[in-house]
Amino acid sequence: MNEFVEQCRREWKRLGVSDPLADEMAADLASDLSEAEADGVSAEQLLGTSAFDPSSFAASWAAERGVIPVQPSATNARRRPLFLIAFTGVAAFTLIIAAALLLTGEPKLTLATRPPSGVGGQVHSVSAAAPIEWILLVLATIALGFAARLWSTRGRSHPPTAPA
């Protein structure tokens, strides 16, 4: 079983597990395998089908211990970009609509004043929705900044860390 432990050690090194941690894991694995052998339990009985795939065993054990990042499942990997695309699209659409409404000044509110004499007067025209449009514009800009941040970090791997 020494060859199995060595193959696991090579996989941990490839995955970026620190040498002290890989040594500890290799010692634990070697101890478990030798105890099982002393008890008359084969490696296949102890490890199941993982006994024939040391690389997969080493990667899953390291992920379970939290020393390497867990790979996202295929369903989550597909869902995240679709959600991110939808979020970015809604934010961009909101930004465009808010900017267009601010530029056109629609809808307009017109106020006509007439002096007590009834002659003359003034007409004032202002945009009625301007505060809401500004709020939408600011929120859409923040949302697009957040989406840009998510797009820039998407797919970036992080170095493995040992648990505290």
N, C-alpha and C. Protein backbone atom coordinates (compact mmCIF):
# COMPACT_ATOMS: atom_id res chain seq x y z
N MET A 1 0.81 -1.20 0.00
CA MET A 1 0.00 0.00 0.00
C MET A 1 0.85 1.26 0.00
N ASN A 2 2.15 1.14 0.15
CA ASN A 2 3.04 2.29 0.15
C ASN A 2 2.93 3.06 -1.16
N GLU A 3 2.74 2.33 -2.27
CA GLU A 3 2.59 2.98 -3.57
C GLU A 3 1.32 3.84 -3.61
N PHE A 4 0.22 3.37 -3.00
CA PHE A 4 -1.03 4.12 -2.94
C PHE A 4 -0.82 5.44 -2.18
N VAL A 5 -0.13 5.37 -1.05
CA VAL A 5 0.14 6.57 -0.25
C VAL A 5 1.00 7.55 -1.04
N GLU A 6 2.00 7.03 -1.76
CA GLU A 6 2.87 7.90 -2.54
C GLU A 6 2.12 8.58 -3.69
N GLN A 7 1.19 7.85 -4.31
CA GLN A 7 0.38 8.45 -5.37
C GLN A 7 -0.52 9.55 -4.79
N CYS A 8 -1.06 9.31 -3.60
CA CYS A 8 -1.86 10.35 -2.94
C CYS A 8 -1.00 11.56 -2.62
N ARG A 9 0.20 11.33 -2.15
CA ARG A 9 1.11 12.43 -1.82
C ARG A 9 1.41 13.28 -3.06
N ARG A 10 1.64 12.61 -4.20
CA ARG A 10 1.90 13.34 -5.45
C ARG A 10 0.68 14.18 -5.85
N GLU A 11 -0.50 13.61 -5.66
CA GLU A 11 -1.72 14.36 -5.99
C GLU A 11 -1.88 15.57 -5.08
N TRP A 12 -1.60 15.42 -3.80
CA TRP A 12 -1.71 16.55 -2.87
C TRP A 12 -0.72 17.64 -3.24
N LYS A 13 0.48 17.23 -3.67
CA LYS A 13 1.47 18.22 -4.08
C LYS A 13 0.97 18.96 -5.32
N ARG A 14 0.38 18.22 -6.27
CA ARG A 14 -0.16 18.83 -7.48
C ARG A 14 -1.29 19.81 -7.15
N LEU A 15 -2.09 19.48 -6.15
CA LEU A 15 -3.21 20.33 -5.75
C LEU A 15 -2.79 21.53 -4.91
N GLY A 16 -1.52 21.55 -4.47
CA GLY A 16 -1.03 22.68 -3.71
C GLY A 16 -1.18 22.55 -2.21
N VAL A 17 -1.38 21.33 -1.73
CA VAL A 17 -1.45 21.11 -0.28
C VAL A 17 -0.04 21.29 0.28
N SER A 18 0.07 22.00 1.39
CA SER A 18 1.39 22.27 1.99
C SER A 18 2.05 20.94 2.39
N ASP A 19 3.38 20.93 2.35
CA ASP A 19 4.13 19.70 2.67
C ASP A 19 3.84 19.18 4.07
N PRO A 20 3.83 20.02 5.11
CA PRO A 20 3.53 19.48 6.44
C PRO A 20 2.14 18.84 6.53
N LEU A 21 1.17 19.46 5.89
CA LEU A 21 -0.18 18.92 5.90
C LEU A 21 -0.26 17.63 5.08
N ALA A 22 0.42 17.60 3.94
CA ALA A 22 0.46 16.39 3.12
C ALA A 22 1.15 15.25 3.87
N ASP A 23 2.21 15.58 4.61
CA ASP A 23 2.90 14.56 5.40
C ASP A 23 1.97 13.99 6.48
N GLU A 24 1.23 14.88 7.13
CA GLU A 24 0.29 14.44 8.17
C GLU A 24 -0.80 13.54 7.58
N MET A 25 -1.34 13.95 6.44
CA MET A 25 -2.39 13.16 5.81
C MET A 25 -1.85 11.81 5.34
N ALA A 26 -0.63 11.81 4.78
CA ALA A 26 -0.02 10.57 4.33
C ALA A 26 0.24 9.63 5.50
N ALA A 27 0.69 10.19 6.64
CA ALA A 27 0.92 9.36 7.82
C ALA A 27 -0.39 8.78 8.33
N ASP A 28 -1.46 9.59 8.34
CA ASP A 28 -2.78 9.08 8.75
C ASP A 28 -3.25 7.96 7.84
N LEU A 29 -3.08 8.17 6.54
CA LEU A 29 -3.52 7.17 5.57
C LEU A 29 -2.71 5.88 5.72
N ALA A 30 -1.40 6.01 5.85
CA ALA A 30 -0.55 4.82 6.00
C ALA A 30 -0.91 4.08 7.27
N SER A 31 -1.17 4.82 8.34
CA SER A 31 -1.55 4.19 9.61
C SER A 31 -2.88 3.45 9.48
N ASP A 32 -3.86 4.09 8.85
CA ASP A 32 -5.17 3.45 8.66
C ASP A 32 -5.05 2.19 7.81
N LEU A 33 -4.24 2.27 6.77
CA LEU A 33 -4.08 1.11 5.89
C LEU A 33 -3.36 -0.04 6.60
N SER A 34 -2.35 0.29 7.38
CA SER A 34 -1.63 -0.78 8.09
C SER A 34 -2.48 -1.39 9.20
N GLU A 35 -3.29 -0.58 9.89
CA GLU A 35 -4.20 -1.11 10.90
C GLU A 35 -5.24 -2.03 10.27
N ALA A 36 -5.75 -1.62 9.11
CA ALA A 36 -6.74 -2.44 8.42
C ALA A 36 -6.11 -3.76 7.98
N GLU A 37 -4.89 -3.69 7.48
CA GLU A 37 -4.19 -4.91 7.06
C GLU A 37 -3.95 -5.84 8.24
N ALA A 38 -3.60 -5.27 9.40
CA ALA A 38 -3.37 -6.08 10.60
C ALA A 38 -4.67 -6.74 11.07
N ASP A 39 -5.80 -6.07 10.82
CA ASP A 39 -7.10 -6.62 11.21
C ASP A 39 -7.67 -7.55 10.15
N GLY A 40 -6.94 -7.77 9.06
CA GLY A 40 -7.39 -8.65 8.01
C GLY A 40 -8.36 -8.00 7.03
N VAL A 41 -8.39 -6.67 7.01
CA VAL A 41 -9.28 -5.93 6.10
C VAL A 41 -8.45 -5.45 4.92
N SER A 42 -8.91 -5.74 3.72
CA SER A 42 -8.16 -5.32 2.54
C SER A 42 -8.37 -3.82 2.29
N ALA A 43 -7.49 -3.28 1.46
CA ALA A 43 -7.59 -1.85 1.11
C ALA A 43 -8.89 -1.58 0.37
N GLU A 44 -9.32 -2.51 -0.47
CA GLU A 44 -10.58 -2.36 -1.21
C GLU A 44 -11.76 -2.30 -0.25
N GLN A 45 -11.71 -3.12 0.82
CA GLN A 45 -12.79 -3.09 1.81
C GLN A 45 -12.78 -1.78 2.59
N LEU A 46 -11.61 -1.26 2.89
CA LEU A 46 -11.50 -0.02 3.66
C LEU A 46 -11.86 1.20 2.82
N LEU A 47 -11.34 1.25 1.59
CA LEU A 47 -11.49 2.45 0.76
C LEU A 47 -12.57 2.33 -0.31
N GLY A 48 -13.09 1.15 -0.52
CA GLY A 48 -14.08 0.95 -1.57
C GLY A 48 -13.43 1.10 -2.93
N THR A 49 -14.16 1.67 -3.87
CA THR A 49 -13.63 1.83 -5.23
C THR A 49 -12.50 2.86 -5.30
N SER A 50 -12.36 3.68 -4.26
CA SER A 50 -11.27 4.67 -4.23
C SER A 50 -9.90 4.01 -4.17
N ALA A 51 -9.85 2.75 -3.76
CA ALA A 51 -8.57 2.04 -3.69
C ALA A 51 -7.93 1.91 -5.07
N PHE A 52 -8.73 2.03 -6.14
CA PHE A 52 -8.21 1.89 -7.50
C PHE A 52 -7.95 3.24 -8.15
N ASP A 53 -8.25 4.35 -7.46
CA ASP A 53 -8.06 5.70 -8.01
C ASP A 53 -7.48 6.62 -6.93
N PRO A 54 -6.18 6.52 -6.68
CA PRO A 54 -5.58 7.31 -5.61
C PRO A 54 -5.69 8.82 -5.83
N SER A 55 -5.66 9.28 -7.07
CA SER A 55 -5.76 10.72 -7.33
C SER A 55 -7.12 11.26 -6.90
N SER A 56 -8.16 10.56 -7.27
CA SER A 56 -9.51 10.98 -6.89
C SER A 56 -9.69 10.91 -5.37
N PHE A 57 -9.17 9.85 -4.76
CA PHE A 57 -9.26 9.70 -3.31
C PHE A 57 -8.55 10.86 -2.62
N ALA A 58 -7.34 11.18 -3.07
CA ALA A 58 -6.56 12.26 -2.45
C ALA A 58 -7.25 13.61 -2.61
N ALA A 59 -7.80 13.86 -3.78
CA ALA A 59 -8.48 15.14 -4.02
C ALA A 59 -9.72 15.27 -3.15
N SER A 60 -10.51 14.19 -3.07
CA SER A 60 -11.74 14.28 -2.27
C SER A 60 -11.43 14.40 -0.79
N TRP A 61 -10.40 13.72 -0.33
CA TRP A 61 -10.03 13.81 1.09
C TRP A 61 -9.53 15.21 1.42
N ALA A 62 -8.71 15.78 0.54
CA ALA A 62 -8.21 17.14 0.77
C ALA A 62 -9.36 18.15 0.77
N ALA A 63 -10.32 17.96 -0.13
CA ALA A 63 -11.47 18.87 -0.18
C ALA A 63 -12.31 18.73 1.09
N GLU A 64 -12.50 17.51 1.56
CA GLU A 64 -13.28 17.30 2.78
C GLU A 64 -12.61 17.92 4.00
N ARG A 65 -11.30 17.90 4.01
CA ARG A 65 -10.57 18.51 5.13
C ARG A 65 -10.49 20.02 5.00
N GLY A 66 -10.88 20.54 3.85
CA GLY A 66 -10.90 21.99 3.66
C GLY A 66 -9.55 22.58 3.30
N VAL A 67 -8.62 21.76 2.82
CA VAL A 67 -7.30 22.29 2.48
C VAL A 67 -7.20 22.69 1.01
N ILE A 68 -8.20 22.33 0.22
CA ILE A 68 -8.31 22.80 -1.15
C ILE A 68 -9.76 23.22 -1.36
N PRO A 69 -10.02 24.14 -2.28
CA PRO A 69 -11.41 24.54 -2.52
C PRO A 69 -12.21 23.39 -3.12
N VAL A 70 -13.46 23.28 -2.70
CA VAL A 70 -14.35 22.26 -3.24
C VAL A 70 -14.78 22.70 -4.62
N GLN A 71 -14.71 21.79 -5.57
CA GLN A 71 -15.12 22.10 -6.93
C GLN A 71 -16.63 22.25 -6.98
N PRO A 72 -17.14 23.29 -7.66
CA PRO A 72 -18.60 23.44 -7.75
C PRO A 72 -19.20 22.32 -8.56
N SER A 73 -20.41 21.95 -8.22
CA SER A 73 -21.09 20.90 -8.97
C SER A 73 -21.45 21.43 -10.35
N ALA A 74 -21.73 20.52 -11.27
CA ALA A 74 -22.03 20.92 -12.64
C ALA A 74 -23.30 21.77 -12.71
N THR A 75 -24.29 21.49 -11.87
CA THR A 75 -25.53 22.27 -11.92
C THR A 75 -25.29 23.69 -11.42
N ASN A 76 -24.53 23.85 -10.35
CA ASN A 76 -24.23 25.19 -9.85
C ASN A 76 -23.33 25.96 -10.81
N ALA A 77 -22.42 25.26 -11.46
CA ALA A 77 -21.52 25.91 -12.40
C ALA A 77 -22.29 26.49 -13.58
N ARG A 78 -23.35 25.80 -14.01
CA ARG A 78 -24.15 26.31 -15.11
C ARG A 78 -25.12 27.39 -14.66
N ARG A 79 -25.65 27.26 -13.46
CA ARG A 79 -26.67 28.20 -12.99
C ARG A 79 -26.08 29.57 -12.72
N ARG A 80 -24.89 29.62 -12.17
CA ARG A 80 -24.30 30.91 -11.79
C ARG A 80 -24.14 31.84 -12.99
N PRO A 81 -23.57 31.39 -14.10
CA PRO A 81 -23.46 32.33 -15.22
C PRO A 81 -24.82 32.78 -15.74
N LEU A 82 -25.83 31.91 -15.77
CA LEU A 82 -27.14 32.33 -16.23
C LEU A 82 -27.72 33.39 -15.31
N PHE A 83 -27.59 33.20 -14.01
CA PHE A 83 -28.06 34.20 -13.07
C PHE A 83 -27.29 35.50 -13.24
N LEU A 84 -25.99 35.40 -13.42
CA LEU A 84 -25.16 36.59 -13.57
C LEU A 84 -25.50 37.33 -14.87
N ILE A 85 -25.79 36.61 -15.91
CA ILE A 85 -26.19 37.23 -17.18
C ILE A 85 -27.52 37.97 -16.99
N ALA A 86 -28.47 37.31 -16.34
CA ALA A 86 -29.79 37.94 -16.12
C ALA A 86 -29.66 39.17 -15.23
N PHE A 87 -28.88 39.07 -14.15
CA PHE A 87 -28.69 40.20 -13.24
C PHE A 87 -28.06 41.38 -13.96
N THR A 88 -27.03 41.10 -14.75
CA THR A 88 -26.35 42.16 -15.50
C THR A 88 -27.30 42.79 -16.52
N GLY A 89 -28.09 41.97 -17.19
CA GLY A 89 -29.04 42.48 -18.17
C GLY A 89 -30.09 43.39 -17.56
N VAL A 90 -30.65 42.97 -16.43
CA VAL A 90 -31.67 43.80 -15.76
C VAL A 90 -31.06 45.11 -15.27
N ALA A 91 -29.86 45.05 -14.72
CA ALA A 91 -29.20 46.27 -14.24
C ALA A 91 -28.90 47.22 -15.40
N ALA A 92 -28.42 46.68 -16.52
CA ALA A 92 -28.11 47.53 -17.67
C ALA A 92 -29.39 48.14 -18.26
N PHE A 93 -30.45 47.33 -18.35
CA PHE A 93 -31.73 47.83 -18.87
C PHE A 93 -32.26 48.95 -17.98
N THR A 94 -32.19 48.77 -16.66
CA THR A 94 -32.66 49.79 -15.72
C THR A 94 -31.84 51.07 -15.86
N LEU A 95 -30.54 50.93 -16.02
CA LEU A 95 -29.67 52.09 -16.19
C LEU A 95 -30.04 52.86 -17.45
N ILE A 96 -30.26 52.15 -18.54
CA ILE A 96 -30.59 52.81 -19.82
C ILE A 96 -31.94 53.53 -19.73
N ILE A 97 -32.93 52.87 -19.15
CA ILE A 97 -34.26 53.48 -19.03
C ILE A 97 -34.21 54.72 -18.13
N ALA A 98 -33.54 54.61 -16.98
CA ALA A 98 -33.46 55.76 -16.06
C ALA A 98 -32.73 56.93 -16.72
N ALA A 99 -31.64 56.64 -17.44
CA ALA A 99 -30.90 57.71 -18.12
C ALA A 99 -31.75 58.35 -19.21
N ALA A 100 -32.48 57.53 -19.98
CA ALA A 100 -33.32 58.07 -21.05
C ALA A 100 -34.43 58.94 -20.47
N LEU A 101 -35.04 58.50 -19.39
CA LEU A 101 -36.11 59.29 -18.77
C LEU A 101 -35.57 60.61 -18.23
N LEU A 102 -34.37 60.57 -17.65
CA LEU A 102 -33.78 61.82 -17.14
C LEU A 102 -33.45 62.78 -18.29
N LEU A 103 -32.94 62.24 -19.39
CA LEU A 103 -32.56 63.09 -20.51
C LEU A 103 -33.78 63.70 -21.20
N THR A 104 -34.85 62.95 -21.30
CA THR A 104 -36.05 63.49 -21.97
C THR A 104 -36.90 64.33 -21.02
N GLY A 105 -36.75 64.14 -19.72
CA GLY A 105 -37.51 64.90 -18.75
C GLY A 105 -38.97 64.50 -18.66
N GLU A 106 -39.32 63.33 -19.18
CA GLU A 106 -40.70 62.86 -19.14
C GLU A 106 -40.93 62.08 -17.86
N PRO A 107 -42.09 62.07 -17.30
CA PRO A 107 -43.26 62.89 -17.58
C PRO A 107 -43.07 64.29 -17.01
N LYS A 108 -43.72 65.26 -17.63
CA LYS A 108 -43.62 66.66 -17.20
C LYS A 108 -44.85 67.03 -16.36
N LEU A 109 -44.60 67.87 -15.39
CA LEU A 109 -45.67 68.40 -14.55
C LEU A 109 -45.71 69.90 -14.81
N THR A 110 -46.86 70.38 -15.18
CA THR A 110 -47.01 71.79 -15.50
C THR A 110 -47.89 72.45 -14.45
N LEU A 111 -47.43 73.58 -13.94
CA LEU A 111 -48.16 74.33 -12.92
C LEU A 111 -48.38 75.74 -13.45
N ALA A 112 -49.61 76.13 -13.54
CA ALA A 112 -49.94 77.49 -14.01
C ALA A 112 -50.42 78.30 -12.82
N THR A 113 -49.86 79.47 -12.67
CA THR A 113 -50.29 80.37 -11.59
C THR A 113 -50.93 81.59 -12.20
N ARG A 114 -51.98 82.08 -11.53
CA ARG A 114 -52.67 83.28 -12.01
C ARG A 114 -52.75 84.26 -10.84
N PRO A 115 -52.38 85.48 -11.08
CA PRO A 115 -52.45 86.46 -10.01
C PRO A 115 -53.92 86.76 -9.66
N PRO A 116 -54.16 87.32 -8.48
CA PRO A 116 -55.54 87.61 -8.07
C PRO A 116 -56.30 88.50 -9.04
N SER A 117 -55.58 89.31 -9.79
CA SER A 117 -56.28 90.19 -10.73
C SER A 117 -56.83 89.42 -11.92
N GLY A 118 -56.30 88.20 -12.13
CA GLY A 118 -56.77 87.37 -13.22
C GLY A 118 -56.10 87.66 -14.53
N VAL A 119 -55.21 88.61 -14.56
CA VAL A 119 -54.53 88.97 -15.80
C VAL A 119 -53.07 88.51 -15.69
N GLY A 120 -52.55 87.89 -16.75
CA GLY A 120 -51.17 87.44 -16.76
C GLY A 120 -51.01 86.09 -16.08
N GLY A 121 -49.91 85.87 -15.50
CA GLY A 121 -49.64 84.63 -14.81
C GLY A 121 -48.37 83.96 -15.33
N GLN A 122 -48.02 82.87 -14.70
CA GLN A 122 -46.80 82.15 -15.08
C GLN A 122 -47.11 80.66 -15.22
N VAL A 123 -46.34 80.02 -16.07
CA VAL A 123 -46.46 78.58 -16.25
C VAL A 123 -45.10 77.97 -15.91
N HIS A 124 -45.11 77.03 -14.98
CA HIS A 124 -43.88 76.33 -14.56
C HIS A 124 -43.99 74.87 -15.00
N SER A 125 -42.92 74.36 -15.61
CA SER A 125 -42.91 72.97 -16.07
C SER A 125 -41.69 72.28 -15.47
N VAL A 126 -41.92 71.18 -14.79
CA VAL A 126 -40.82 70.41 -14.18
C VAL A 126 -41.05 68.93 -14.44
N SER A 127 -39.98 68.17 -14.30
CA SER A 127 -40.08 66.72 -14.43
C SER A 127 -40.61 66.16 -13.12
N ALA A 128 -41.71 65.43 -13.21
CA ALA A 128 -42.37 64.92 -12.00
C ALA A 128 -41.66 63.71 -11.41
N ALA A 129 -40.97 62.94 -12.23
CA ALA A 129 -40.40 61.68 -11.76
C ALA A 129 -38.89 61.77 -11.53
N ALA A 130 -38.31 62.96 -11.58
CA ALA A 130 -36.86 63.10 -11.49
C ALA A 130 -36.25 62.43 -10.26
N PRO A 131 -36.82 62.59 -9.06
CA PRO A 131 -36.18 61.92 -7.91
C PRO A 131 -36.15 60.40 -8.06
N ILE A 132 -37.21 59.82 -8.55
CA ILE A 132 -37.26 58.37 -8.74
C ILE A 132 -36.27 57.94 -9.81
N GLU A 133 -36.18 58.72 -10.87
CA GLU A 133 -35.24 58.39 -11.94
C GLU A 133 -33.80 58.46 -11.46
N TRP A 134 -33.47 59.44 -10.64
CA TRP A 134 -32.11 59.54 -10.09
C TRP A 134 -31.81 58.36 -9.18
N ILE A 135 -32.78 57.98 -8.36
CA ILE A 135 -32.59 56.83 -7.48
C ILE A 135 -32.36 55.56 -8.31
N LEU A 136 -33.18 55.37 -9.34
CA LEU A 136 -33.01 54.21 -10.23
C LEU A 136 -31.64 54.23 -10.90
N LEU A 137 -31.22 55.40 -11.35
CA LEU A 137 -29.93 55.53 -12.01
C LEU A 137 -28.78 55.15 -11.06
N VAL A 138 -28.83 55.64 -9.85
CA VAL A 138 -27.78 55.33 -8.87
C VAL A 138 -27.79 53.83 -8.53
N LEU A 139 -28.98 53.27 -8.27
CA LEU A 139 -29.06 51.85 -7.94
C LEU A 139 -28.60 50.96 -9.09
N ALA A 140 -28.97 51.32 -10.32
CA ALA A 140 -28.54 50.54 -11.48
C ALA A 140 -27.03 50.63 -11.67
N THR A 141 -26.45 51.80 -11.40
CA THR A 141 -25.00 51.94 -11.50
C THR A 141 -24.30 51.07 -10.46
N ILE A 142 -24.81 51.06 -9.25
CA ILE A 142 -24.24 50.21 -8.19
C ILE A 142 -24.38 48.74 -8.57
N ALA A 143 -25.54 48.36 -9.09
CA ALA A 143 -25.76 46.97 -9.49
C ALA A 143 -24.81 46.56 -10.61
N LEU A 144 -24.58 47.44 -11.57
CA LEU A 144 -23.63 47.12 -12.65
C LEU A 144 -22.20 47.01 -12.12
N GLY A 145 -21.85 47.84 -11.16
CA GLY A 145 -20.53 47.72 -10.54
C GLY A 145 -20.37 46.39 -9.83
N PHE A 146 -21.42 45.98 -9.13
CA PHE A 146 -21.41 44.69 -8.45
C PHE A 146 -21.31 43.55 -9.46
N ALA A 147 -22.06 43.65 -10.56
CA ALA A 147 -22.01 42.63 -11.60
C ALA A 147 -20.61 42.57 -12.22
N ALA A 148 -20.00 43.72 -12.45
CA ALA A 148 -18.64 43.74 -13.00
C ALA A 148 -17.67 43.06 -12.06
N ARG A 149 -17.85 43.29 -10.78
CA ARG A 149 -16.98 42.63 -9.78
C ARG A 149 -17.17 41.11 -9.83
N LEU A 150 -18.43 40.65 -9.93
CA LEU A 150 -18.69 39.22 -10.01
C LEU A 150 -18.11 38.62 -11.28
N TRP A 151 -18.23 39.34 -12.39
CA TRP A 151 -17.67 38.83 -13.64
C TRP A 151 -16.15 38.76 -13.56
N SER A 152 -15.52 39.72 -12.90
CA SER A 152 -14.05 39.73 -12.84
C SER A 152 -13.51 38.63 -11.93
N THR A 153 -14.29 38.22 -10.91
CA THR A 153 -13.81 37.16 -10.01
C THR A 153 -14.31 35.79 -10.41
N ARG A 154 -15.22 35.70 -11.38
CA ARG A 154 -15.78 34.43 -11.77
C ARG A 154 -14.71 33.56 -12.42
N GLY A 155 -14.57 32.35 -11.92
CA GLY A 155 -13.62 31.41 -12.49
C GLY A 155 -12.21 31.58 -11.97
N ARG A 156 -11.95 32.59 -11.19
CA ARG A 156 -10.62 32.78 -10.64
C ARG A 156 -10.44 31.81 -9.48
N SER A 157 -9.39 31.05 -9.51
CA SER A 157 -9.17 30.09 -8.43
C SER A 157 -8.40 30.78 -7.29
N HIS A 158 -8.63 30.29 -6.11
CA HIS A 158 -7.97 30.82 -4.93
C HIS A 158 -6.99 29.78 -4.42
N PRO A 159 -5.85 30.19 -3.89
CA PRO A 159 -4.89 29.21 -3.42
C PRO A 159 -5.46 28.43 -2.23
N PRO A 160 -5.12 27.16 -2.13
CA PRO A 160 -5.62 26.38 -1.01
C PRO A 160 -5.05 26.88 0.30
N THR A 161 -5.86 26.80 1.33
CA THR A 161 -5.42 27.21 2.66
C THR A 161 -5.72 26.10 3.64
N ALA A 162 -4.91 26.03 4.64
CA ALA A 162 -5.13 25.04 5.69
C ALA A 162 -6.15 25.59 6.67
N PRO A 163 -7.00 24.72 7.22
CA PRO A 163 -7.97 25.20 8.20
C PRO A 163 -7.27 25.70 9.45
N ALA A 164 -7.90 26.67 10.12
CA ALA A 164 -7.30 27.25 11.32
C ALA A 164 -7.39 26.32 12.49
